[in-house]
N, C-alpha and C. Protein backbone atom coordinates (compact mmCIF):
# COMPACT_ATOMS: atom_id res chain seq x y z
N MET A 1 0.82 -1.19 0.00
CA MET A 1 0.00 0.00 0.00
C MET A 1 0.86 1.25 0.00
N GLU A 2 2.02 1.21 0.61
CA GLU A 2 2.92 2.36 0.64
C GLU A 2 3.35 2.76 -0.76
N ALA A 3 3.64 1.80 -1.62
CA ALA A 3 4.07 2.11 -2.98
C ALA A 3 2.97 2.83 -3.75
N THR A 4 1.73 2.44 -3.54
CA THR A 4 0.62 3.09 -4.21
C THR A 4 0.53 4.55 -3.80
N HIS A 5 0.69 4.81 -2.50
CA HIS A 5 0.63 6.19 -2.02
C HIS A 5 1.74 7.01 -2.64
N ASN A 6 2.96 6.49 -2.70
CA ASN A 6 4.07 7.23 -3.29
C ASN A 6 3.81 7.51 -4.76
N THR A 7 3.21 6.58 -5.47
CA THR A 7 2.90 6.79 -6.87
C THR A 7 1.93 7.95 -7.04
N LYS A 8 0.94 8.03 -6.18
CA LYS A 8 -0.04 9.11 -6.27
C LYS A 8 0.60 10.46 -5.98
N VAL A 9 1.44 10.51 -4.98
CA VAL A 9 2.11 11.77 -4.66
C VAL A 9 2.99 12.19 -5.82
N THR A 10 3.69 11.23 -6.42
CA THR A 10 4.53 11.54 -7.56
C THR A 10 3.69 12.07 -8.71
N SER A 11 2.51 11.48 -8.94
CA SER A 11 1.68 11.96 -10.04
C SER A 11 1.18 13.38 -9.77
N VAL A 12 0.89 13.70 -8.52
CA VAL A 12 0.49 15.07 -8.18
C VAL A 12 1.65 16.01 -8.43
N GLN A 13 2.84 15.60 -8.02
CA GLN A 13 4.01 16.44 -8.21
C GLN A 13 4.29 16.62 -9.70
N ASP A 14 4.18 15.54 -10.48
CA ASP A 14 4.39 15.65 -11.91
C ASP A 14 3.39 16.59 -12.56
N ALA A 15 2.13 16.48 -12.14
CA ALA A 15 1.10 17.36 -12.69
C ALA A 15 1.38 18.80 -12.32
N ARG A 16 1.82 19.03 -11.08
CA ARG A 16 2.11 20.37 -10.62
C ARG A 16 3.26 20.97 -11.41
N ASN A 17 4.30 20.19 -11.64
CA ASN A 17 5.46 20.70 -12.36
C ASN A 17 5.19 20.92 -13.84
N GLY A 18 4.27 20.17 -14.42
CA GLY A 18 4.02 20.26 -15.85
C GLY A 18 2.83 21.09 -16.24
N SER A 19 2.26 21.83 -15.32
CA SER A 19 1.04 22.56 -15.65
C SER A 19 1.21 24.06 -15.43
N GLN A 20 2.18 24.66 -16.06
CA GLN A 20 2.41 26.09 -15.93
C GLN A 20 1.54 26.86 -16.92
N MET A 21 0.96 27.96 -16.47
CA MET A 21 0.20 28.83 -17.35
C MET A 21 1.16 29.89 -17.90
N ALA A 22 0.71 30.61 -18.90
CA ALA A 22 1.55 31.60 -19.56
C ALA A 22 2.03 32.69 -18.61
N ASN A 23 1.24 33.04 -17.60
CA ASN A 23 1.64 34.11 -16.69
C ASN A 23 2.48 33.60 -15.53
N GLY A 24 2.83 32.32 -15.53
CA GLY A 24 3.69 31.77 -14.48
C GLY A 24 2.94 31.17 -13.31
N ASN A 25 1.63 31.37 -13.22
CA ASN A 25 0.86 30.77 -12.14
C ASN A 25 0.59 29.32 -12.46
N GLU A 26 0.52 28.51 -11.42
CA GLU A 26 0.25 27.10 -11.63
C GLU A 26 -1.25 26.89 -11.81
N HIS A 27 -1.59 26.07 -12.75
CA HIS A 27 -2.98 25.77 -13.03
C HIS A 27 -3.39 24.57 -12.20
N ILE A 28 -4.23 24.79 -11.22
CA ILE A 28 -4.55 23.72 -10.27
C ILE A 28 -5.55 22.71 -10.79
N ALA A 29 -6.21 23.00 -11.89
CA ALA A 29 -7.23 22.08 -12.39
C ALA A 29 -6.64 20.73 -12.79
N ASN A 30 -5.37 20.69 -13.15
CA ASN A 30 -4.74 19.45 -13.59
C ASN A 30 -4.13 18.63 -12.46
N ILE A 31 -4.19 19.12 -11.24
CA ILE A 31 -3.61 18.39 -10.12
C ILE A 31 -4.65 17.41 -9.58
N PRO A 32 -4.39 16.11 -9.72
CA PRO A 32 -5.37 15.12 -9.25
C PRO A 32 -5.35 14.98 -7.73
N THR A 33 -6.37 15.50 -7.09
CA THR A 33 -6.41 15.44 -5.64
C THR A 33 -7.51 14.53 -5.12
N SER A 34 -8.11 13.74 -6.01
CA SER A 34 -9.25 12.93 -5.61
C SER A 34 -8.90 11.89 -4.55
N ASP A 35 -7.68 11.38 -4.55
CA ASP A 35 -7.30 10.37 -3.58
C ASP A 35 -6.57 10.95 -2.37
N ILE A 36 -6.14 12.19 -2.47
CA ILE A 36 -5.43 12.83 -1.37
C ILE A 36 -6.45 13.69 -0.62
N PHE A 37 -6.58 13.47 0.66
CA PHE A 37 -7.56 14.19 1.48
C PHE A 37 -8.97 13.98 0.93
N LYS A 38 -9.29 12.76 0.52
CA LYS A 38 -10.58 12.51 -0.12
C LYS A 38 -11.77 12.75 0.80
N GLU A 39 -11.54 12.78 2.10
CA GLU A 39 -12.65 13.03 3.03
C GLU A 39 -13.00 14.51 3.14
N PHE A 40 -12.21 15.38 2.50
CA PHE A 40 -12.46 16.82 2.55
C PHE A 40 -13.03 17.30 1.22
N PRO A 41 -13.82 18.38 1.24
CA PRO A 41 -14.34 18.93 -0.01
C PRO A 41 -13.23 19.55 -0.84
N ASP A 42 -13.52 19.87 -2.11
CA ASP A 42 -12.51 20.44 -2.99
C ASP A 42 -12.03 21.81 -2.54
N CYS A 43 -12.87 22.54 -1.84
CA CYS A 43 -12.52 23.84 -1.31
C CYS A 43 -12.78 23.81 0.20
N VAL A 44 -11.74 24.05 0.99
CA VAL A 44 -11.87 23.91 2.44
C VAL A 44 -11.81 25.26 3.13
N ASN A 45 -12.26 25.28 4.38
CA ASN A 45 -12.16 26.48 5.20
C ASN A 45 -10.97 26.33 6.15
N VAL A 46 -10.77 27.31 7.00
CA VAL A 46 -9.61 27.32 7.88
C VAL A 46 -9.65 26.14 8.86
N MET A 47 -10.82 25.83 9.39
CA MET A 47 -10.92 24.72 10.34
C MET A 47 -10.55 23.39 9.67
N GLN A 48 -10.99 23.20 8.45
CA GLN A 48 -10.66 21.98 7.72
C GLN A 48 -9.17 21.96 7.37
N LEU A 49 -8.60 23.11 7.06
CA LEU A 49 -7.16 23.20 6.80
C LEU A 49 -6.38 22.76 8.04
N GLN A 50 -6.82 23.19 9.19
CA GLN A 50 -6.18 22.79 10.45
C GLN A 50 -6.20 21.27 10.59
N GLN A 51 -7.33 20.66 10.29
CA GLN A 51 -7.45 19.21 10.40
C GLN A 51 -6.56 18.51 9.38
N MET A 52 -6.51 19.02 8.17
CA MET A 52 -5.71 18.41 7.11
C MET A 52 -4.23 18.38 7.46
N LEU A 53 -3.75 19.48 8.04
CA LEU A 53 -2.32 19.62 8.32
C LEU A 53 -1.96 19.36 9.78
N SER A 54 -2.95 19.09 10.61
CA SER A 54 -2.73 18.88 12.05
C SER A 54 -1.98 20.05 12.66
N ILE A 55 -2.52 21.24 12.43
CA ILE A 55 -1.91 22.46 12.95
C ILE A 55 -2.97 23.25 13.71
N GLY A 56 -2.52 24.23 14.46
CA GLY A 56 -3.43 25.07 15.22
C GLY A 56 -3.96 26.23 14.39
N ARG A 57 -4.88 26.96 14.99
CA ARG A 57 -5.53 28.08 14.31
C ARG A 57 -4.54 29.17 13.93
N ASN A 58 -3.66 29.54 14.86
CA ASN A 58 -2.70 30.62 14.58
C ASN A 58 -1.78 30.26 13.43
N ARG A 59 -1.29 29.02 13.41
CA ARG A 59 -0.40 28.58 12.33
C ARG A 59 -1.14 28.56 10.99
N ALA A 60 -2.40 28.14 11.00
CA ALA A 60 -3.20 28.11 9.77
C ALA A 60 -3.33 29.51 9.19
N TYR A 61 -3.69 30.48 10.03
CA TYR A 61 -3.82 31.85 9.56
C TYR A 61 -2.47 32.43 9.12
N GLU A 62 -1.41 32.05 9.78
CA GLU A 62 -0.08 32.51 9.39
C GLU A 62 0.27 32.02 7.98
N LEU A 63 -0.01 30.74 7.70
CA LEU A 63 0.27 30.18 6.38
C LEU A 63 -0.53 30.90 5.29
N LEU A 64 -1.75 31.28 5.62
CA LEU A 64 -2.59 31.97 4.65
C LEU A 64 -2.15 33.42 4.47
N LYS A 65 -1.93 34.12 5.56
CA LYS A 65 -1.59 35.55 5.49
C LYS A 65 -0.23 35.79 4.86
N THR A 66 0.70 34.85 5.01
CA THR A 66 2.03 35.01 4.41
C THR A 66 2.08 34.50 2.98
N GLY A 67 0.97 33.95 2.49
CA GLY A 67 0.92 33.47 1.12
C GLY A 67 1.55 32.12 0.89
N GLN A 68 1.90 31.43 1.95
CA GLN A 68 2.49 30.10 1.79
C GLN A 68 1.48 29.09 1.25
N ILE A 69 0.22 29.30 1.58
CA ILE A 69 -0.87 28.51 0.99
C ILE A 69 -1.76 29.50 0.26
N LYS A 70 -1.92 29.29 -1.05
CA LYS A 70 -2.75 30.17 -1.86
C LYS A 70 -4.21 29.98 -1.46
N HIS A 71 -4.97 31.03 -1.60
CA HIS A 71 -6.37 31.00 -1.19
C HIS A 71 -7.11 32.18 -1.81
N LYS A 72 -8.40 32.19 -1.64
CA LYS A 72 -9.23 33.33 -1.98
C LYS A 72 -9.93 33.75 -0.71
N ARG A 73 -10.02 35.04 -0.51
CA ARG A 73 -10.70 35.55 0.67
C ARG A 73 -11.83 36.46 0.22
N ILE A 74 -13.01 36.16 0.69
CA ILE A 74 -14.18 36.97 0.40
C ILE A 74 -14.72 37.44 1.74
N GLY A 75 -14.61 38.73 1.97
CA GLY A 75 -14.98 39.27 3.28
C GLY A 75 -14.01 38.72 4.33
N LYS A 76 -14.56 38.10 5.33
CA LYS A 76 -13.73 37.52 6.39
C LYS A 76 -13.48 36.03 6.19
N ILE A 77 -14.05 35.46 5.14
CA ILE A 77 -13.99 34.00 4.95
C ILE A 77 -12.89 33.63 3.97
N TYR A 78 -12.05 32.67 4.36
CA TYR A 78 -11.00 32.13 3.52
C TYR A 78 -11.52 30.88 2.80
N TYR A 79 -11.29 30.82 1.49
CA TYR A 79 -11.61 29.65 0.69
C TYR A 79 -10.29 29.09 0.16
N ILE A 80 -9.98 27.86 0.52
CA ILE A 80 -8.70 27.26 0.18
C ILE A 80 -8.94 26.01 -0.68
N PRO A 81 -8.62 26.08 -1.99
CA PRO A 81 -8.76 24.89 -2.81
C PRO A 81 -7.84 23.78 -2.29
N LYS A 82 -8.36 22.58 -2.24
CA LYS A 82 -7.59 21.44 -1.72
C LYS A 82 -6.29 21.26 -2.50
N ALA A 83 -6.31 21.56 -3.78
CA ALA A 83 -5.11 21.42 -4.60
C ALA A 83 -3.98 22.33 -4.10
N TYR A 84 -4.32 23.49 -3.56
CA TYR A 84 -3.29 24.38 -3.02
C TYR A 84 -2.68 23.84 -1.74
N VAL A 85 -3.45 23.10 -0.98
CA VAL A 85 -2.91 22.45 0.23
C VAL A 85 -1.92 21.38 -0.19
N VAL A 86 -2.27 20.61 -1.20
CA VAL A 86 -1.37 19.57 -1.73
C VAL A 86 -0.11 20.22 -2.28
N GLU A 87 -0.27 21.31 -3.01
CA GLU A 87 0.88 22.05 -3.55
C GLU A 87 1.81 22.49 -2.43
N PHE A 88 1.25 23.03 -1.35
CA PHE A 88 2.05 23.46 -0.20
C PHE A 88 2.84 22.29 0.38
N LEU A 89 2.20 21.14 0.50
CA LEU A 89 2.87 19.98 1.06
C LEU A 89 4.01 19.52 0.16
N LEU A 90 3.81 19.55 -1.14
CA LEU A 90 4.85 19.12 -2.07
C LEU A 90 6.05 20.07 -2.03
N LYS A 91 5.79 21.36 -1.89
CA LYS A 91 6.88 22.34 -1.82
C LYS A 91 7.68 22.20 -0.53
N ASN A 92 7.04 21.72 0.52
CA ASN A 92 7.68 21.66 1.82
C ASN A 92 7.96 20.24 2.30
N GLN A 93 8.29 19.37 1.37
CA GLN A 93 8.60 17.98 1.74
C GLN A 93 9.90 17.90 2.49
């Protein structure tokens, strides 16, 4: 089972590295996240981010405010695509 997990992470990393848009931003639509964090919705909130990464509230907000995890903020609510959480994990292996 371990080999299967490594294969999936590699495929996410390969998709991340090979999906550059013309402006330099990564296109998250091509990152297959269906098997990674499958119990979470495609777009998570701060509380779900905390659960995904096993971190506290202050650390979660720090990661968002410093731009380490990409997100969209509408009013006071943070919307974090699951693919950006995976991207963060791959960058910080």
